[in-house]
């Protein structure tokens, strides 16, 4: 299973990634919502997304409908 961690704080991404890896996930990371969407557009596939709500460039809340719109409502 793959998880995408989206957070502007590098330390928080590392903490979440370590926890998820311990649970058996492979992880990818993005520093904001725009980077996350770019990763997904480039073909990154994820089963789970851990999204920070308050980030520069693109916050977490707008990521959800943007992903849904690009994937025809199918999620990640």
N, C-alpha and C. Protein backbone atom coordinates (compact mmCIF):
# COMPACT_ATOMS: atom_id res chain seq x y z
N UNK A 1 0.85 -1.17 0.00
CA UNK A 1 0.00 0.00 0.00
C UNK A 1 0.90 1.24 0.00
N UNK A 2 0.40 2.30 -0.67
CA UNK A 2 1.16 3.54 -0.79
C UNK A 2 0.42 4.69 -0.11
N UNK A 3 1.17 5.55 0.53
CA UNK A 3 0.61 6.72 1.18
C UNK A 3 1.31 7.97 0.68
N UNK A 4 0.55 9.03 0.49
CA UNK A 4 1.09 10.33 0.12
C UNK A 4 0.95 11.25 1.33
N UNK A 5 2.07 11.82 1.76
CA UNK A 5 2.09 12.71 2.92
C UNK A 5 2.27 14.13 2.38
N UNK A 6 1.31 14.99 2.67
CA UNK A 6 1.33 16.36 2.16
C UNK A 6 1.37 17.30 3.36
N UNK A 7 2.51 17.94 3.57
CA UNK A 7 2.70 18.83 4.71
C UNK A 7 3.85 19.77 4.40
N UNK A 8 3.72 21.04 4.78
CA UNK A 8 4.78 22.00 4.53
C UNK A 8 5.93 21.88 5.52
N UNK A 9 5.74 21.18 6.62
CA UNK A 9 6.79 20.99 7.62
C UNK A 9 7.52 19.67 7.36
N UNK A 10 8.79 19.77 7.00
CA UNK A 10 9.59 18.59 6.69
C UNK A 10 9.64 17.62 7.87
N UNK A 11 9.77 18.15 9.09
CA UNK A 11 9.84 17.30 10.28
C UNK A 11 8.54 16.50 10.42
N UNK A 12 7.41 17.13 10.21
CA UNK A 12 6.13 16.43 10.32
C UNK A 12 6.00 15.35 9.24
N UNK A 13 6.45 15.66 8.02
CA UNK A 13 6.42 14.64 6.97
C UNK A 13 7.25 13.43 7.37
N UNK A 14 8.41 13.66 7.96
CA UNK A 14 9.28 12.55 8.39
C UNK A 14 8.64 11.73 9.50
N UNK A 15 8.00 12.40 10.46
CA UNK A 15 7.33 11.69 11.56
C UNK A 15 6.21 10.81 11.02
N UNK A 16 5.37 11.38 10.17
CA UNK A 16 4.25 10.62 9.60
C UNK A 16 4.76 9.49 8.71
N UNK A 17 5.79 9.77 7.90
CA UNK A 17 6.35 8.74 7.02
C UNK A 17 6.91 7.58 7.82
N UNK A 18 7.62 7.86 8.89
CA UNK A 18 8.19 6.80 9.73
C UNK A 18 7.08 5.94 10.32
N UNK A 19 6.04 6.58 10.81
CA UNK A 19 4.91 5.84 11.39
C UNK A 19 4.24 4.96 10.35
N UNK A 20 4.00 5.52 9.17
CA UNK A 20 3.33 4.75 8.12
C UNK A 20 4.21 3.61 7.60
N UNK A 21 5.50 3.85 7.49
CA UNK A 21 6.40 2.77 7.05
C UNK A 21 6.41 1.63 8.05
N UNK A 22 6.38 1.98 9.34
CA UNK A 22 6.31 0.95 10.38
C UNK A 22 5.03 0.12 10.26
N UNK A 23 4.00 0.69 9.67
CA UNK A 23 2.73 0.00 9.46
C UNK A 23 2.68 -0.73 8.12
N UNK A 24 3.76 -0.64 7.35
CA UNK A 24 3.84 -1.38 6.10
C UNK A 24 3.58 -0.58 4.84
N UNK A 25 3.42 0.73 4.95
CA UNK A 25 3.18 1.57 3.78
C UNK A 25 4.49 1.97 3.12
N UNK A 26 4.46 2.12 1.81
CA UNK A 26 5.48 2.84 1.08
C UNK A 26 4.98 4.28 1.03
N UNK A 27 5.89 5.26 1.10
CA UNK A 27 5.44 6.64 1.18
C UNK A 27 6.05 7.52 0.09
N UNK A 28 5.29 8.55 -0.25
CA UNK A 28 5.75 9.65 -1.10
C UNK A 28 5.41 10.93 -0.33
N UNK A 29 6.14 12.00 -0.59
CA UNK A 29 5.94 13.24 0.15
C UNK A 29 5.81 14.44 -0.78
N UNK A 30 5.03 15.41 -0.32
CA UNK A 30 4.89 16.69 -1.02
C UNK A 30 4.84 17.80 0.02
N UNK A 31 5.43 18.94 -0.32
CA UNK A 31 5.51 20.07 0.61
C UNK A 31 4.30 20.99 0.60
N UNK A 32 3.40 20.80 -0.36
CA UNK A 32 2.15 21.57 -0.40
C UNK A 32 1.20 20.88 -1.37
N UNK A 33 -0.02 21.39 -1.43
CA UNK A 33 -1.02 20.77 -2.29
C UNK A 33 -0.67 20.78 -3.76
N UNK A 34 -0.02 21.85 -4.22
CA UNK A 34 0.37 21.93 -5.63
C UNK A 34 1.37 20.84 -5.98
N UNK A 35 2.37 20.64 -5.11
CA UNK A 35 3.34 19.57 -5.34
C UNK A 35 2.66 18.20 -5.34
N UNK A 36 1.70 18.02 -4.46
CA UNK A 36 0.97 16.75 -4.41
C UNK A 36 0.23 16.50 -5.71
N UNK A 37 -0.47 17.52 -6.22
CA UNK A 37 -1.19 17.36 -7.48
C UNK A 37 -0.23 17.08 -8.63
N UNK A 38 0.93 17.74 -8.61
CA UNK A 38 1.94 17.48 -9.64
C UNK A 38 2.41 16.03 -9.60
N UNK A 39 2.63 15.50 -8.39
CA UNK A 39 3.04 14.09 -8.25
C UNK A 39 1.96 13.16 -8.81
N UNK A 40 0.71 13.45 -8.46
CA UNK A 40 -0.38 12.60 -8.93
C UNK A 40 -0.52 12.67 -10.45
N UNK A 41 -0.36 13.86 -11.00
CA UNK A 41 -0.43 14.02 -12.45
C UNK A 41 0.71 13.27 -13.15
N UNK A 42 1.85 13.17 -12.46
CA UNK A 42 3.01 12.47 -13.03
C UNK A 42 2.90 10.96 -12.90
N UNK A 43 1.80 10.48 -12.30
CA UNK A 43 1.58 9.05 -12.23
C UNK A 43 1.70 8.41 -10.86
N UNK A 44 2.01 9.20 -9.83
CA UNK A 44 2.09 8.65 -8.47
C UNK A 44 0.72 8.08 -8.09
N UNK A 45 0.71 6.88 -7.59
CA UNK A 45 -0.53 6.24 -7.15
C UNK A 45 -0.49 6.06 -5.65
N UNK A 46 -1.62 6.34 -4.98
CA UNK A 46 -1.68 6.26 -3.52
C UNK A 46 -2.99 5.63 -3.08
N UNK A 47 -2.91 4.94 -1.96
CA UNK A 47 -4.10 4.37 -1.35
C UNK A 47 -4.60 5.23 -0.19
N UNK A 48 -3.71 6.09 0.32
CA UNK A 48 -3.99 6.92 1.48
C UNK A 48 -3.29 8.26 1.31
N UNK A 49 -3.95 9.34 1.72
CA UNK A 49 -3.31 10.65 1.74
C UNK A 49 -3.46 11.24 3.14
N UNK A 50 -2.35 11.70 3.70
CA UNK A 50 -2.34 12.42 4.97
C UNK A 50 -2.05 13.87 4.62
N UNK A 51 -3.05 14.74 4.79
CA UNK A 51 -2.97 16.09 4.27
C UNK A 51 -3.04 17.12 5.39
N UNK A 52 -2.02 17.99 5.44
CA UNK A 52 -2.04 19.14 6.34
C UNK A 52 -3.08 20.12 5.83
N UNK A 53 -3.81 20.74 6.72
CA UNK A 53 -4.88 21.64 6.32
C UNK A 53 -4.36 23.02 5.96
N UNK A 54 -3.32 23.50 6.66
CA UNK A 54 -2.84 24.87 6.50
C UNK A 54 -1.43 24.87 5.93
N UNK A 55 -1.33 25.14 4.62
CA UNK A 55 -0.04 25.17 3.94
C UNK A 55 0.00 26.34 2.97
N UNK A 56 1.20 26.83 2.66
CA UNK A 56 1.31 27.86 1.63
C UNK A 56 1.10 27.24 0.24
N UNK A 57 1.00 28.06 -0.75
CA UNK A 57 0.82 27.72 -2.16
C UNK A 57 -0.56 27.11 -2.39
N UNK A 58 -0.83 25.94 -1.83
CA UNK A 58 -2.15 25.32 -1.93
C UNK A 58 -2.40 24.56 -0.64
N UNK A 59 -3.41 24.99 0.10
CA UNK A 59 -3.75 24.36 1.38
C UNK A 59 -4.40 22.99 1.16
N UNK A 60 -4.61 22.28 2.25
CA UNK A 60 -5.14 20.92 2.17
C UNK A 60 -6.57 20.82 1.67
N UNK A 61 -7.43 21.73 2.10
CA UNK A 61 -8.84 21.63 1.71
C UNK A 61 -9.04 21.68 0.20
N UNK A 62 -8.41 22.57 -0.54
CA UNK A 62 -8.60 22.58 -2.00
C UNK A 62 -8.01 21.36 -2.72
N UNK A 63 -7.14 20.62 -2.05
CA UNK A 63 -6.55 19.44 -2.68
C UNK A 63 -7.63 18.38 -2.95
N UNK A 64 -8.54 18.22 -2.01
CA UNK A 64 -9.54 17.15 -2.12
C UNK A 64 -10.41 17.30 -3.37
N UNK A 65 -11.08 18.44 -3.59
CA UNK A 65 -11.88 18.54 -4.82
C UNK A 65 -11.04 18.54 -6.09
N UNK A 66 -9.80 19.05 -6.00
CA UNK A 66 -8.93 19.04 -7.18
C UNK A 66 -8.59 17.62 -7.59
N UNK A 67 -8.32 16.76 -6.62
CA UNK A 67 -8.03 15.35 -6.92
C UNK A 67 -9.28 14.68 -7.48
N UNK A 68 -10.40 14.93 -6.85
CA UNK A 68 -11.65 14.32 -7.33
C UNK A 68 -11.97 14.76 -8.75
N UNK A 69 -11.77 16.03 -9.06
CA UNK A 69 -12.08 16.54 -10.41
C UNK A 69 -11.17 15.90 -11.45
N UNK A 70 -9.91 15.70 -11.12
CA UNK A 70 -8.96 15.13 -12.07
C UNK A 70 -9.15 13.64 -12.25
N UNK A 71 -9.66 12.97 -11.29
CA UNK A 71 -9.81 11.52 -11.34
C UNK A 71 -11.26 11.09 -11.56
N UNK A 72 -12.11 12.01 -11.95
CA UNK A 72 -13.50 11.66 -12.19
C UNK A 72 -14.21 11.20 -10.94
N UNK A 73 -13.83 11.78 -9.78
CA UNK A 73 -14.46 11.44 -8.51
C UNK A 73 -13.96 10.17 -7.88
N UNK A 74 -12.91 9.55 -8.45
CA UNK A 74 -12.44 8.27 -7.96
C UNK A 74 -11.40 8.38 -6.85
N UNK A 75 -11.01 9.57 -6.44
CA UNK A 75 -10.02 9.70 -5.39
C UNK A 75 -8.61 9.63 -5.91
N UNK A 76 -7.69 9.16 -5.09
CA UNK A 76 -6.28 9.15 -5.44
C UNK A 76 -5.99 8.14 -6.51
